[in-house]
Amino acid sequence: MTKEGLKIRHVVLDVLKPHEPRLSEFALYLAGFHGVSKVDINVEEMDQRTESLTVILNGDDIDFEELREHLLRYDAVIQSLDRVVVE
């Protein structure tokens, strides 16, 4: 939770992850993160070992630092935070 009861409701991330897990498994993994109610992932680029993704998350209270750690468990890293909506 942030200042004065405001919460992160929407984030757009540029994420780099290995090919495994598959995209559907990765999306379900993110959907299980506390505070996330919707996951939308678009593959932007692929090479022999990795996928560059645009990950859009909606929810009622997304903790960004915990989300970063959650992604690392699947060897995925946030390359940039491209959009944030706080309400």
PDB file of N, CA and C in Angstrom:
ATOM      1  N   MET A   1       0.842  -1.172   0.000  1.00  0.00           N
ATOM      2  CA  MET A   1       0.000   0.000   0.000  1.00  0.00           C
ATOM      3  C   MET A   1       0.889   1.238   0.000  1.00  0.00           C
ATOM      4  N   THR A   2       0.436   2.257  -0.674  1.00  0.00           N
ATOM      5  CA  THR A   2       1.229   3.474  -0.801  1.00  0.00           C
ATOM      6  C   THR A   2       0.630   4.583   0.039  1.00  0.00           C
ATOM      7  N   LYS A   3       1.193   5.744  -0.075  1.00  0.00           N
ATOM      8  CA  LYS A   3       0.792   6.918   0.684  1.00  0.00           C
ATOM      9  C   LYS A   3      -0.701   7.212   0.566  1.00  0.00           C
ATOM     10  N   GLU A   4      -1.313   7.547   1.692  1.00  0.00           N
ATOM     11  CA  GLU A   4      -2.705   7.997   1.762  1.00  0.00           C
ATOM     12  C   GLU A   4      -3.696   7.005   1.170  1.00  0.00           C
ATOM     13  N   GLY A   5      -3.424   5.722   1.284  1.00  0.00           N
ATOM     14  CA  GLY A   5      -4.351   4.709   0.819  1.00  0.00           C
ATOM     15  C   GLY A   5      -4.353   4.466  -0.675  1.00  0.00           C
ATOM     16  N   LEU A   6      -3.485   5.159  -1.411  1.00  0.00           N
ATOM     17  CA  LEU A   6      -3.412   4.940  -2.851  1.00  0.00           C
ATOM     18  C   LEU A   6      -2.731   3.603  -3.136  1.00  0.00           C
ATOM     19  N   LYS A   7      -3.152   2.949  -4.208  1.00  0.00           N
ATOM     20  CA  LYS A   7      -2.619   1.630  -4.541  1.00  0.00           C
ATOM     21  C   LYS A   7      -2.290   1.558  -6.025  1.00  0.00           C
ATOM     22  N   ILE A   8      -1.310   0.717  -6.348  1.00  0.00           N
ATOM     23  CA  ILE A   8      -0.980   0.470  -7.753  1.00  0.00           C
ATOM     24  C   ILE A   8      -2.046  -0.457  -8.322  1.00  0.00           C
ATOM     25  N   ARG A   9      -2.709   0.001  -9.388  1.00  0.00           N
ATOM     26  CA  ARG A   9      -3.813  -0.751  -9.999  1.00  0.00           C
ATOM     27  C   ARG A   9      -3.465  -1.327 -11.370  1.00  0.00           C
ATOM     28  N   HIS A  10      -2.447  -0.754 -12.023  1.00  0.00           N
ATOM     29  CA  HIS A  10      -2.137  -1.149 -13.401  1.00  0.00           C
ATOM     30  C   HIS A  10      -0.660  -0.888 -13.656  1.00  0.00           C
ATOM     31  N   VAL A  11       0.036  -1.883 -14.220  1.00  0.00           N
ATOM     32  CA  VAL A  11       1.430  -1.689 -14.616  1.00  0.00           C
ATOM     33  C   VAL A  11       1.653  -2.301 -15.998  1.00  0.00           C
ATOM     34  N   VAL A  12       2.538  -1.666 -16.752  1.00  0.00           N
ATOM     35  CA  VAL A  12       2.992  -2.194 -18.029  1.00  0.00           C
ATOM     36  C   VAL A  12       4.499  -2.358 -17.905  1.00  0.00           C
ATOM     37  N   LEU A  13       4.961  -3.592 -18.122  1.00  0.00           N
ATOM     38  CA  LEU A  13       6.360  -3.930 -17.932  1.00  0.00           C
ATOM     39  C   LEU A  13       6.967  -4.479 -19.220  1.00  0.00           C
ATOM     40  N   ASP A  14       8.232  -4.190 -19.411  1.00  0.00           N
ATOM     41  CA  ASP A  14       9.029  -4.843 -20.440  1.00  0.00           C
ATOM     42  C   ASP A  14       9.809  -5.925 -19.698  1.00  0.00           C
ATOM     43  N   VAL A  15       9.517  -7.193 -20.005  1.00  0.00           N
ATOM     44  CA  VAL A  15      10.083  -8.321 -19.262  1.00  0.00           C
ATOM     45  C   VAL A  15      10.872  -9.215 -20.211  1.00  0.00           C
ATOM     46  N   LEU A  16      12.010  -9.695 -19.733  1.00  0.00           N
ATOM     47  CA  LEU A  16      12.816 -10.660 -20.466  1.00  0.00           C
ATOM     48  C   LEU A  16      12.781 -11.972 -19.690  1.00  0.00           C
ATOM     49  N   LYS A  17      12.393 -13.056 -20.376  1.00  0.00           N
ATOM     50  CA  LYS A  17      12.342 -14.356 -19.711  1.00  0.00           C
ATOM     51  C   LYS A  17      12.881 -15.437 -20.642  1.00  0.00           C
ATOM     52  N   PRO A  18      13.351 -16.559 -20.064  1.00  0.00           N
ATOM     53  CA  PRO A  18      13.752 -17.685 -20.902  1.00  0.00           C
ATOM     54  C   PRO A  18      12.522 -18.308 -21.571  1.00  0.00           C
ATOM     55  N   HIS A  19      12.732 -19.144 -22.580  1.00  0.00           N
ATOM     56  CA  HIS A  19      11.615 -19.786 -23.271  1.00  0.00           C
ATOM     57  C   HIS A  19      10.782 -20.663 -22.333  1.00  0.00           C
ATOM     58  N   GLU A  20      11.421 -21.258 -21.368  1.00  0.00           N
ATOM     59  CA  GLU A  20      10.702 -22.059 -20.383  1.00  0.00           C
ATOM     60  C   GLU A  20      10.590 -21.266 -19.098  1.00  0.00           C
ATOM     61  N   PRO A  21       9.440 -21.170 -18.487  1.00  0.00           N
ATOM     62  CA  PRO A  21       8.203 -21.878 -18.796  1.00  0.00           C
ATOM     63  C   PRO A  21       7.512 -21.294 -20.031  1.00  0.00           C
ATOM     64  N   ARG A  22       6.600 -22.080 -20.582  1.00  0.00           N
ATOM     65  CA  ARG A  22       5.823 -21.608 -21.720  1.00  0.00           C
ATOM     66  C   ARG A  22       5.003 -20.395 -21.310  1.00  0.00           C
ATOM     67  N   LEU A  23       4.611 -19.622 -22.300  1.00  0.00           N
ATOM     68  CA  LEU A  23       3.898 -18.368 -22.058  1.00  0.00           C
ATOM     69  C   LEU A  23       2.617 -18.571 -21.256  1.00  0.00           C
ATOM     70  N   SER A  24       1.851 -19.609 -21.559  1.00  0.00           N
ATOM     71  CA  SER A  24       0.600 -19.852 -20.836  1.00  0.00           C
ATOM     72  C   SER A  24       0.860 -20.146 -19.363  1.00  0.00           C
ATOM     73  N   GLU A  25       1.887 -20.929 -19.072  1.00  0.00           N
ATOM     74  CA  GLU A  25       2.235 -21.221 -17.675  1.00  0.00           C
ATOM     75  C   GLU A  25       2.712 -19.961 -16.962  1.00  0.00           C
ATOM     76  N   PHE A  26       3.497 -19.160 -17.647  1.00  0.00           N
ATOM     77  CA  PHE A  26       3.996 -17.911 -17.068  1.00  0.00           C
ATOM     78  C   PHE A  26       2.841 -16.954 -16.756  1.00  0.00           C
ATOM     79  N   ALA A  27       1.873 -16.857 -17.663  1.00  0.00           N
ATOM     80  CA  ALA A  27       0.708 -15.991 -17.438  1.00  0.00           C
ATOM     81  C   ALA A  27      -0.095 -16.452 -16.228  1.00  0.00           C
ATOM     82  N   LEU A  28      -0.293 -17.760 -16.097  1.00  0.00           N
ATOM     83  CA  LEU A  28      -1.016 -18.291 -14.935  1.00  0.00           C
ATOM     84  C   LEU A  28      -0.245 -18.034 -13.644  1.00  0.00           C
ATOM     85  N   TYR A  29       1.069 -18.147 -13.704  1.00  0.00           N
ATOM     86  CA  TYR A  29       1.918 -17.854 -12.551  1.00  0.00           C
ATOM     87  C   TYR A  29       1.735 -16.402 -12.103  1.00  0.00           C
ATOM     88  N   LEU A  30       1.743 -15.483 -13.065  1.00  0.00           N
ATOM     89  CA  LEU A  30       1.550 -14.067 -12.726  1.00  0.00           C
ATOM     90  C   LEU A  30       0.137 -13.804 -12.207  1.00  0.00           C
ATOM     91  N   ALA A  31      -0.841 -14.486 -12.763  1.00  0.00           N
ATOM     92  CA  ALA A  31      -2.229 -14.307 -12.317  1.00  0.00           C
ATOM     93  C   ALA A  31      -2.405 -14.737 -10.866  1.00  0.00           C
ATOM     94  N   GLY A  32      -1.540 -15.620 -10.390  1.00  0.00           N
ATOM     95  CA  GLY A  32      -1.611 -16.073  -9.006  1.00  0.00           C
ATOM     96  C   GLY A  32      -0.932 -15.146  -8.016  1.00  0.00           C
ATOM     97  N   PHE A  33      -0.302 -14.098  -8.501  1.00  0.00           N
ATOM     98  CA  PHE A  33       0.376 -13.148  -7.616  1.00  0.00           C
ATOM     99  C   PHE A  33      -0.652 -12.316  -6.858  1.00  0.00           C
ATOM    100  N   HIS A  34      -0.416 -12.123  -5.563  1.00  0.00           N
ATOM    101  CA  HIS A  34      -1.339 -11.362  -4.715  1.00  0.00           C
ATOM    102  C   HIS A  34      -1.605  -9.970  -5.288  1.00  0.00           C
ATOM    103  N   GLY A  35      -2.871  -9.640  -5.424  1.00  0.00           N
ATOM    104  CA  GLY A  35      -3.264  -8.313  -5.888  1.00  0.00           C
ATOM    105  C   GLY A  35      -3.504  -8.225  -7.379  1.00  0.00           C
ATOM    106  N   VAL A  36      -3.140  -9.256  -8.151  1.00  0.00           N
ATOM    107  CA  VAL A  36      -3.315  -9.232  -9.602  1.00  0.00           C
ATOM    108  C   VAL A  36      -4.636  -9.903  -9.968  1.00  0.00           C
ATOM    109  N   SER A  37      -5.436  -9.215 -10.780  1.00  0.00           N
ATOM    110  CA  SER A  37      -6.720  -9.778 -11.215  1.00  0.00           C
ATOM    111  C   SER A  37      -6.763 -10.037 -12.728  1.00  0.00           C
ATOM    112  N   LYS A  38      -5.841  -9.447 -13.483  1.00  0.00           N
ATOM    113  CA  LYS A  38      -5.824  -9.654 -14.935  1.00  0.00           C
ATOM    114  C   LYS A  38      -4.387  -9.587 -15.435  1.00  0.00           C
ATOM    115  N   VAL A  39      -4.062 -10.511 -16.357  1.00  0.00           N
ATOM    116  CA  VAL A  39      -2.742 -10.576 -16.965  1.00  0.00           C
ATOM    117  C   VAL A  39      -2.912 -10.548 -18.479  1.00  0.00           C
ATOM    118  N   ASP A  40      -2.148  -9.691 -19.136  1.00  0.00           N
ATOM    119  CA  ASP A  40      -2.157  -9.602 -20.600  1.00  0.00           C
ATOM    120  C   ASP A  40      -0.686  -9.560 -21.033  1.00  0.00           C
ATOM    121  N   ILE A  41      -0.277 -10.549 -21.843  1.00  0.00           N
ATOM    122  CA  ILE A  41       1.121 -10.639 -22.255  1.00  0.00           C
ATOM    123  C   ILE A  41       1.201 -10.664 -23.772  1.00  0.00           C
ATOM    124  N   ASN A  42       2.125  -9.875 -24.301  1.00  0.00           N
ATOM    125  CA  ASN A  42       2.381  -9.858 -25.730  1.00  0.00           C
ATOM    126  C   ASN A  42       3.870 -10.148 -25.951  1.00  0.00           C
ATOM    127  N   VAL A  43       4.164 -11.109 -26.843  1.00  0.00           N
ATOM    128  CA  VAL A  43       5.553 -11.408 -27.184  1.00  0.00           C
ATOM    129  C   VAL A  43       6.012 -10.374 -28.206  1.00  0.00           C
ATOM    130  N   GLU A  44       7.055  -9.645 -27.862  1.00  0.00           N
ATOM    131  CA  GLU A  44       7.583  -8.607 -28.738  1.00  0.00           C
ATOM    132  C   GLU A  44       8.717  -9.120 -29.613  1.00  0.00           C
ATOM    133  N   GLU A  45       9.530 -10.014 -29.036  1.00  0.00           N
ATOM    134  CA  GLU A  45      10.708 -10.504 -29.758  1.00  0.00           C
ATOM    135  C   GLU A  45      11.168 -11.814 -29.132  1.00  0.00           C
ATOM    136  N   MET A  46      11.723 -12.687 -29.975  1.00  0.00           N
ATOM    137  CA  MET A  46      12.275 -13.957 -29.493  1.00  0.00           C
ATOM    138  C   MET A  46      13.656 -14.158 -30.107  1.00  0.00           C
ATOM    139  N   ASP A  47      14.540 -14.758 -29.330  1.00  0.00           N
ATOM    140  CA  ASP A  47      15.798 -15.218 -29.890  1.00  0.00           C
ATOM    141  C   ASP A  47      15.963 -16.684 -29.503  1.00  0.00           C
ATOM    142  N   GLN A  48      17.143 -17.219 -29.589  1.00  0.00           N
ATOM    143  CA  GLN A  48      17.327 -18.645 -29.334  1.00  0.00           C
ATOM    144  C   GLN A  48      17.075 -19.038 -27.888  1.00  0.00           C
ATOM    145  N   ARG A  49      17.285 -18.110 -26.957  1.00  0.00           N
ATOM    146  CA  ARG A  49      17.166 -18.460 -25.539  1.00  0.00           C
ATOM    147  C   ARG A  49      16.111 -17.681 -24.772  1.00  0.00           C
ATOM    148  N   THR A  50      15.709 -16.501 -25.255  1.00  0.00           N
ATOM    149  CA  THR A  50      14.830 -15.648 -24.451  1.00  0.00           C
ATOM    150  C   THR A  50      13.662 -15.089 -25.257  1.00  0.00           C
ATOM    151  N   GLU A  51      12.710 -14.555 -24.502  1.00  0.00           N
ATOM    152  CA  GLU A  51      11.560 -13.861 -25.067  1.00  0.00           C
ATOM    153  C   GLU A  51      11.466 -12.487 -24.422  1.00  0.00           C
ATOM    154  N   SER A  52      11.258 -11.467 -25.232  1.00  0.00           N
ATOM    155  CA  SER A  52      10.974 -10.122 -24.716  1.00  0.00           C
ATOM    156  C   SER A  52       9.464  -9.950 -24.750  1.00  0.00           C
ATOM    157  N   LEU A  53       8.908  -9.592 -23.599  1.00  0.00           N
ATOM    158  CA  LEU A  53       7.464  -9.522 -23.442  1.00  0.00           C
ATOM    159  C   LEU A  53       7.008  -8.152 -22.977  1.00  0.00           C
ATOM    160  N   THR A  54       5.828  -7.746 -23.418  1.00  0.00           N
ATOM    161  CA  THR A  54       5.117  -6.652 -22.777  1.00  0.00           C
ATOM    162  C   THR A  54       4.097  -7.306 -21.861  1.00  0.00           C
ATOM    163  N   VAL A  55       4.223  -7.043 -20.572  1.00  0.00           N
ATOM    164  CA  VAL A  55       3.344  -7.641 -19.567  1.00  0.00           C
ATOM    165  C   VAL A  55       2.491  -6.537 -18.966  1.00  0.00           C
ATOM    166  N   ILE A  56       1.178  -6.701 -19.087  1.00  0.00           N
ATOM    167  CA  ILE A  56       0.232  -5.738 -18.530  1.00  0.00           C
ATOM    168  C   ILE A  56      -0.524  -6.430 -17.402  1.00  0.00           C
ATOM    169  N   LEU A  57      -0.440  -5.829 -16.220  1.00  0.00           N
ATOM    170  CA  LEU A  57      -1.109  -6.389 -15.050  1.00  0.00           C
ATOM    171  C   LEU A  57      -2.099  -5.382 -14.494  1.00  0.00           C
ATOM    172  N   ASN A  58      -3.286  -5.870 -14.177  1.00  0.00           N
ATOM    173  CA  ASN A  58      -4.295  -5.071 -13.486  1.00  0.00           C
ATOM    174  C   ASN A  58      -4.599  -5.743 -12.160  1.00  0.00           C
ATOM    175  N   GLY A  59      -4.934  -4.947 -11.173  1.00  0.00           N
ATOM    176  CA  GLY A  59      -5.262  -5.516  -9.879  1.00  0.00           C
ATOM    177  C   GLY A  59      -5.722  -4.461  -8.909  1.00  0.00           C
ATOM    178  N   ASP A  60      -5.852  -4.881  -7.652  1.00  0.00           N
ATOM    179  CA  ASP A  60      -6.352  -3.945  -6.653  1.00  0.00           C
ATOM    180  C   ASP A  60      -5.259  -3.405  -5.733  1.00  0.00           C
ATOM    181  N   ASP A  61      -4.091  -4.050  -5.727  1.00  0.00           N
ATOM    182  CA  ASP A  61      -2.988  -3.560  -4.891  1.00  0.00           C
ATOM    183  C   ASP A  61      -1.730  -4.328  -5.250  1.00  0.00           C
ATOM    184  N   ILE A  62      -1.044  -3.916  -6.303  1.00  0.00           N
ATOM    185  CA  ILE A  62       0.136  -4.621  -6.799  1.00  0.00           C
ATOM    186  C   ILE A  62       1.378  -4.057  -6.114  1.00  0.00           C
ATOM    187  N   ASP A  63       2.085  -4.907  -5.395  1.00  0.00           N
ATOM    188  CA  ASP A  63       3.328  -4.512  -4.728  1.00  0.00           C
ATOM    189  C   ASP A  63       4.472  -4.722  -5.721  1.00  0.00           C
ATOM    190  N   PHE A  64       5.038  -3.638  -6.202  1.00  0.00           N
ATOM    191  CA  PHE A  64       6.024  -3.712  -7.279  1.00  0.00           C
ATOM    192  C   PHE A  64       7.272  -4.477  -6.864  1.00  0.00           C
ATOM    193  N   GLU A  65       7.798  -4.245  -5.692  1.00  0.00           N
ATOM    194  CA  GLU A  65       9.023  -4.930  -5.264  1.00  0.00           C
ATOM    195  C   GLU A  65       8.789  -6.427  -5.082  1.00  0.00           C
ATOM    196  N   GLU A  66       7.652  -6.804  -4.532  1.00  0.00           N
ATOM    197  CA  GLU A  66       7.332  -8.224  -4.409  1.00  0.00           C
ATOM    198  C   GLU A  66       7.124  -8.848  -5.786  1.00  0.00           C
ATOM    199  N   LEU A  67       6.544  -8.087  -6.706  1.00  0.00           N
ATOM    200  CA  LEU A  67       6.348  -8.570  -8.066  1.00  0.00           C
ATOM    201  C   LEU A  67       7.700  -8.847  -8.728  1.00  0.00           C
ATOM    202  N   ARG A  68       8.649  -7.974  -8.534  1.00  0.00           N
ATOM    203  CA  ARG A  68       9.995  -8.159  -9.093  1.00  0.00           C
ATOM    204  C   ARG A  68      10.593  -9.486  -8.595  1.00  0.00           C
ATOM    205  N   GLU A  69      10.470  -9.754  -7.302  1.00  0.00           N
ATOM    206  CA  GLU A  69      10.976 -10.995  -6.723  1.00  0.00           C
ATOM    207  C   GLU A  69      10.210 -12.202  -7.255  1.00  0.00           C
ATOM    208  N   HIS A  70       8.912 -12.060  -7.420  1.00  0.00           N
ATOM    209  CA  HIS A  70       8.057 -13.118  -7.946  1.00  0.00           C
ATOM    210  C   HIS A  70       8.519 -13.510  -9.360  1.00  0.00           C
ATOM    211  N   LEU A  71       8.825 -12.528 -10.177  1.00  0.00           N
ATOM    212  CA  LEU A  71       9.295 -12.783 -11.537  1.00  0.00           C
ATOM    213  C   LEU A  71      10.647 -13.494 -11.543  1.00  0.00           C
ATOM    214  N   LEU A  72      11.509 -13.120 -10.623  1.00  0.00           N
ATOM    215  CA  LEU A  72      12.844 -13.727 -10.560  1.00  0.00           C
ATOM    216  C   LEU A  72      12.786 -15.223 -10.293  1.00  0.00           C
ATOM    217  N   ARG A  73      11.734 -15.691  -9.626  1.00  0.00           N
ATOM    218  CA  ARG A  73      11.599 -17.132  -9.365  1.00  0.00           C
ATOM    219  C   ARG A  73      11.465 -17.929 -10.658  1.00  0.00           C
ATOM    220  N   TYR A  74      11.044 -17.266 -11.725  1.00  0.00           N
ATOM    221  CA  TYR A  74      10.956 -17.905 -13.041  1.00  0.00           C
ATOM    222  C   TYR A  74      12.055 -17.390 -13.960  1.00  0.00           C
ATOM    223  N   ASP A  75      13.117 -16.828 -13.376  1.00  0.00           N
ATOM    224  CA  ASP A  75      14.260 -16.296 -14.126  1.00  0.00           C
ATOM    225  C   ASP A  75      13.858 -15.206 -15.113  1.00  0.00           C
ATOM    226  N   ALA A  76      12.803 -14.474 -14.785  1.00  0.00           N
ATOM    227  CA  ALA A  76      12.351 -13.354 -15.614  1.00  0.00           C
ATOM    228  C   ALA A  76      12.756 -12.054 -14.933  1.00  0.00           C
ATOM    229  N   VAL A  77      13.166 -11.079 -15.739  1.00  0.00           N
ATOM    230  CA  VAL A  77      13.600  -9.799 -15.184  1.00  0.00           C
ATOM    231  C   VAL A  77      12.831  -8.653 -15.834  1.00  0.00           C
ATOM    232  N   ILE A  78      12.563  -7.650 -15.024  1.00  0.00           N
ATOM    233  CA  ILE A  78      11.917  -6.438 -15.517  1.00  0.00           C
ATOM    234  C   ILE A  78      12.999  -5.562 -16.130  1.00  0.00           C
ATOM    235  N   GLN A  79      12.877  -5.305 -17.434  1.00  0.00           N
ATOM    236  CA  GLN A  79      13.833  -4.433 -18.114  1.00  0.00           C
ATOM    237  C   GLN A  79      13.435  -2.973 -17.967  1.00  0.00           C
ATOM    238  N   SER A  80      12.124  -2.725 -17.943  1.00  0.00           N
ATOM    239  CA  SER A  80      11.651  -1.363 -17.710  1.00  0.00           C
ATOM    240  C   SER A  80      10.209  -1.386 -17.228  1.00  0.00           C
ATOM    241  N   LEU A  81       9.874  -0.367 -16.479  1.00  0.00           N
ATOM    242  CA  LEU A  81       8.505  -0.111 -16.044  1.00  0.00           C
ATOM    243  C   LEU A  81       7.987   0.988 -16.962  1.00  0.00           C
ATOM    244  N   ASP A  82       7.062   0.632 -17.849  1.00  0.00           N
ATOM    245  CA  ASP A  82       6.656   1.553 -18.914  1.00  0.00           C
ATOM    246  C   ASP A  82       5.394   2.347 -18.590  1.00  0.00           C
ATOM    247  N   ARG A  83       4.602   1.865 -17.635  1.00  0.00           N
ATOM    248  CA  ARG A  83       3.391   2.595 -17.267  1.00  0.00           C
ATOM    249  C   ARG A  83       2.931   2.137 -15.895  1.00  0.00           C
ATOM    250  N   VAL A  84       2.412   3.079 -15.122  1.00  0.00           N
ATOM    251  CA  VAL A  84       1.852   2.785 -13.807  1.00  0.00           C
ATOM    252  C   VAL A  84       0.579   3.621 -13.625  1.00  0.00           C
ATOM    253  N   VAL A  85      -0.455   2.986 -13.118  1.00  0.00           N
ATOM    254  CA  VAL A  85      -1.669   3.707 -12.746  1.00  0.00           C
ATOM    255  C   VAL A  85      -1.888   3.481 -11.259  1.00  0.00           C
ATOM    256  N   VAL A  86      -2.015   4.573 -10.525  1.00  0.00           N
ATOM    257  CA  VAL A  86      -2.250   4.525  -9.088  1.00  0.00           C
ATOM    258  C   VAL A  86      -3.592   5.196  -8.820  1.00  0.00           C
ATOM    259  N   GLU A  87      -4.406   4.544  -7.997  1.00  0.00           N
ATOM    260  CA  GLU A  87      -5.699   5.119  -7.606  1.00  0.00           C
ATOM    261  C   GLU A  87      -5.837   5.065  -6.112  1.00  0.00           C
TER     262      GLU A  87
END
